[in-house]
N, C-alpha and C. Protein backbone atom coordinates (compact mmCIF):
# COMPACT_ATOMS: atom_id res chain seq x y z
N MET A 1 -32.57 48.01 20.29
CA MET A 1 -33.45 47.45 21.29
C MET A 1 -33.92 46.08 20.82
N GLU A 2 -33.83 45.10 21.68
CA GLU A 2 -34.28 43.73 21.37
C GLU A 2 -35.81 43.66 21.40
N LEU A 3 -36.36 42.68 20.68
CA LEU A 3 -37.81 42.52 20.62
C LEU A 3 -38.41 42.27 22.00
N CYS A 4 -37.72 41.52 22.85
CA CYS A 4 -38.23 41.26 24.20
C CYS A 4 -38.31 42.56 25.00
N GLU A 5 -37.40 43.49 24.76
CA GLU A 5 -37.45 44.79 25.44
C GLU A 5 -38.65 45.61 24.95
N VAL A 6 -38.92 45.52 23.65
CA VAL A 6 -40.07 46.23 23.08
C VAL A 6 -41.36 45.67 23.68
N SER A 7 -41.50 44.35 23.74
CA SER A 7 -42.72 43.76 24.28
C SER A 7 -42.90 44.10 25.76
N THR A 8 -41.81 44.13 26.53
CA THR A 8 -41.89 44.53 27.93
C THR A 8 -42.37 45.97 28.05
N CYS A 9 -41.86 46.84 27.21
CA CYS A 9 -42.28 48.24 27.20
C CYS A 9 -43.76 48.36 26.86
N LEU A 10 -44.21 47.63 25.84
CA LEU A 10 -45.62 47.69 25.44
C LEU A 10 -46.52 47.17 26.56
N GLU A 11 -46.09 46.14 27.27
CA GLU A 11 -46.88 45.62 28.39
C GLU A 11 -47.02 46.67 29.49
N LYS A 12 -45.95 47.42 29.74
CA LYS A 12 -45.98 48.45 30.79
C LYS A 12 -46.89 49.62 30.40
N VAL A 13 -46.87 49.98 29.11
CA VAL A 13 -47.70 51.09 28.64
C VAL A 13 -49.18 50.71 28.74
N GLY A 14 -49.52 49.49 28.34
CA GLY A 14 -50.90 49.02 28.44
C GLY A 14 -51.71 49.28 27.19
N LEU A 15 -51.92 50.54 26.84
CA LEU A 15 -52.75 50.87 25.69
C LEU A 15 -51.90 51.58 24.64
N GLN A 16 -52.02 51.12 23.42
CA GLN A 16 -51.32 51.75 22.31
C GLN A 16 -52.36 52.22 21.30
N TYR A 17 -51.89 53.03 20.36
CA TYR A 17 -52.74 53.47 19.26
C TYR A 17 -52.08 53.03 17.96
N MET A 18 -52.85 52.31 17.14
CA MET A 18 -52.34 51.79 15.89
C MET A 18 -52.95 52.57 14.73
N ALA A 19 -52.08 53.05 13.85
CA ALA A 19 -52.52 53.74 12.64
C ALA A 19 -52.40 52.80 11.46
N THR A 20 -53.47 52.71 10.70
CA THR A 20 -53.50 51.89 9.49
C THR A 20 -53.95 52.76 8.33
N VAL A 21 -53.85 52.22 7.13
CA VAL A 21 -54.41 52.88 5.96
C VAL A 21 -55.79 52.26 5.74
N GLY A 22 -56.82 53.10 5.82
CA GLY A 22 -58.20 52.61 5.67
C GLY A 22 -58.47 52.12 4.26
N LEU A 23 -59.54 51.38 4.12
CA LEU A 23 -59.93 50.87 2.80
C LEU A 23 -60.26 52.01 1.85
N ASP A 24 -60.55 53.18 2.40
CA ASP A 24 -60.81 54.37 1.60
C ASP A 24 -59.53 55.16 1.29
N GLY A 25 -58.36 54.62 1.73
CA GLY A 25 -57.09 55.26 1.48
C GLY A 25 -56.71 56.33 2.49
N LYS A 26 -57.57 56.57 3.47
CA LYS A 26 -57.31 57.59 4.49
C LYS A 26 -56.78 56.94 5.76
N PRO A 27 -55.99 57.70 6.54
CA PRO A 27 -55.45 57.11 7.78
C PRO A 27 -56.53 56.86 8.82
N LYS A 28 -56.37 55.78 9.55
CA LYS A 28 -57.28 55.41 10.65
C LYS A 28 -56.43 55.13 11.88
N VAL A 29 -56.82 55.64 13.02
CA VAL A 29 -56.10 55.40 14.27
C VAL A 29 -57.06 54.82 15.28
N ARG A 30 -56.66 53.71 15.91
CA ARG A 30 -57.52 53.04 16.88
C ARG A 30 -56.72 52.63 18.10
N PRO A 31 -57.36 52.59 19.26
CA PRO A 31 -56.68 52.03 20.42
C PRO A 31 -56.57 50.51 20.28
N VAL A 32 -55.42 49.97 20.62
CA VAL A 32 -55.19 48.52 20.60
C VAL A 32 -54.37 48.16 21.83
N GLN A 33 -54.31 46.89 22.11
CA GLN A 33 -53.49 46.43 23.22
C GLN A 33 -52.60 45.29 22.76
N PHE A 34 -51.32 45.41 23.07
CA PHE A 34 -50.37 44.35 22.76
C PHE A 34 -50.76 43.11 23.54
N MET A 35 -50.72 41.95 22.87
CA MET A 35 -51.14 40.71 23.51
C MET A 35 -49.94 39.83 23.91
N VAL A 36 -49.06 39.52 22.95
CA VAL A 36 -47.98 38.58 23.24
C VAL A 36 -46.88 38.70 22.18
N GLU A 37 -45.66 38.35 22.58
CA GLU A 37 -44.57 38.17 21.64
C GLU A 37 -44.48 36.68 21.37
N TYR A 38 -44.56 36.29 20.10
CA TYR A 38 -44.55 34.88 19.75
C TYR A 38 -43.85 34.70 18.41
N ASP A 39 -42.95 33.76 18.34
CA ASP A 39 -42.28 33.39 17.11
C ASP A 39 -41.59 34.61 16.45
N GLY A 40 -41.01 35.48 17.29
CA GLY A 40 -40.29 36.63 16.79
C GLY A 40 -41.15 37.76 16.27
N LYS A 41 -42.43 37.75 16.65
CA LYS A 41 -43.37 38.79 16.20
C LYS A 41 -44.16 39.32 17.39
N LEU A 42 -44.63 40.55 17.25
CA LEU A 42 -45.53 41.14 18.24
C LEU A 42 -46.96 40.92 17.76
N TRP A 43 -47.81 40.42 18.64
CA TRP A 43 -49.19 40.11 18.28
C TRP A 43 -50.14 41.03 19.02
N PHE A 44 -51.12 41.54 18.27
CA PHE A 44 -52.18 42.38 18.81
C PHE A 44 -53.50 41.69 18.53
N CYS A 45 -54.51 42.00 19.29
CA CYS A 45 -55.80 41.32 19.15
C CYS A 45 -56.74 42.10 18.23
N THR A 46 -57.32 41.40 17.27
CA THR A 46 -58.40 41.94 16.45
C THR A 46 -59.29 40.77 16.02
N ASN A 47 -60.26 41.04 15.21
CA ASN A 47 -61.23 40.05 14.78
C ASN A 47 -61.31 40.09 13.27
N SER A 48 -61.41 38.95 12.62
CA SER A 48 -61.42 38.92 11.15
C SER A 48 -62.64 39.61 10.55
N LYS A 49 -63.62 39.94 11.35
CA LYS A 49 -64.81 40.65 10.86
C LYS A 49 -64.67 42.17 11.00
N LYS A 50 -63.62 42.63 11.63
CA LYS A 50 -63.41 44.06 11.85
C LYS A 50 -62.77 44.71 10.62
N SER A 51 -63.07 45.99 10.43
CA SER A 51 -62.48 46.72 9.30
C SER A 51 -60.97 46.81 9.43
N MET A 52 -60.45 46.89 10.66
CA MET A 52 -59.01 46.95 10.85
C MET A 52 -58.33 45.71 10.26
N TYR A 53 -58.93 44.56 10.41
CA TYR A 53 -58.38 43.33 9.86
C TYR A 53 -58.29 43.42 8.33
N ALA A 54 -59.36 43.86 7.70
CA ALA A 54 -59.38 44.00 6.24
C ALA A 54 -58.33 45.01 5.77
N GLU A 55 -58.16 46.08 6.53
CA GLU A 55 -57.15 47.09 6.20
C GLU A 55 -55.75 46.49 6.28
N LEU A 56 -55.49 45.69 7.31
CA LEU A 56 -54.18 45.08 7.49
C LEU A 56 -53.89 44.02 6.43
N VAL A 57 -54.91 43.33 5.99
CA VAL A 57 -54.73 42.34 4.92
C VAL A 57 -54.35 43.07 3.63
N LYS A 58 -55.02 44.18 3.35
CA LYS A 58 -54.77 44.94 2.13
C LYS A 58 -53.42 45.66 2.19
N ASN A 59 -53.10 46.23 3.35
CA ASN A 59 -51.87 47.00 3.50
C ASN A 59 -51.34 46.77 4.92
N PRO A 60 -50.34 45.90 5.10
CA PRO A 60 -49.89 45.53 6.45
C PRO A 60 -49.00 46.56 7.15
N TRP A 61 -48.77 47.72 6.55
CA TRP A 61 -47.93 48.73 7.18
C TRP A 61 -48.71 49.50 8.24
N ILE A 62 -48.10 49.67 9.41
CA ILE A 62 -48.76 50.38 10.51
C ILE A 62 -47.78 51.34 11.16
N ASP A 63 -48.32 52.25 11.93
CA ASP A 63 -47.56 53.02 12.92
C ASP A 63 -48.19 52.70 14.26
N LEU A 64 -47.36 52.66 15.27
CA LEU A 64 -47.83 52.33 16.62
C LEU A 64 -47.31 53.39 17.59
N CYS A 65 -48.19 53.88 18.42
CA CYS A 65 -47.81 54.89 19.39
C CYS A 65 -48.35 54.49 20.75
N GLY A 66 -47.54 54.61 21.76
CA GLY A 66 -47.97 54.33 23.13
C GLY A 66 -47.36 55.35 24.05
N SER A 67 -48.10 55.74 25.05
CA SER A 67 -47.59 56.72 26.01
C SER A 67 -48.22 56.44 27.36
N LYS A 68 -47.38 56.34 28.36
CA LYS A 68 -47.87 56.10 29.70
C LYS A 68 -47.66 57.35 30.54
N LEU A 69 -48.75 57.85 31.08
CA LEU A 69 -48.65 59.01 31.96
C LEU A 69 -48.24 58.55 33.35
N ALA A 70 -47.47 59.36 34.02
CA ALA A 70 -46.96 59.00 35.35
C ALA A 70 -48.04 58.86 36.38
């Protein structure tokens, strides 16, 4: 699947859930929304003051789940 197909799918789903590794080493899952595909990457919105940002800086590995009900 091409990246443009992934971004189209994420736009259709609307809301995704992102799993990160918390600063305490435990998994954290939060609702997120895909924003844009840019420069060959998928971009999501967060704020540098949020704990999710600090978690991603420390450990950039994530899982992403999205599901659209009919």
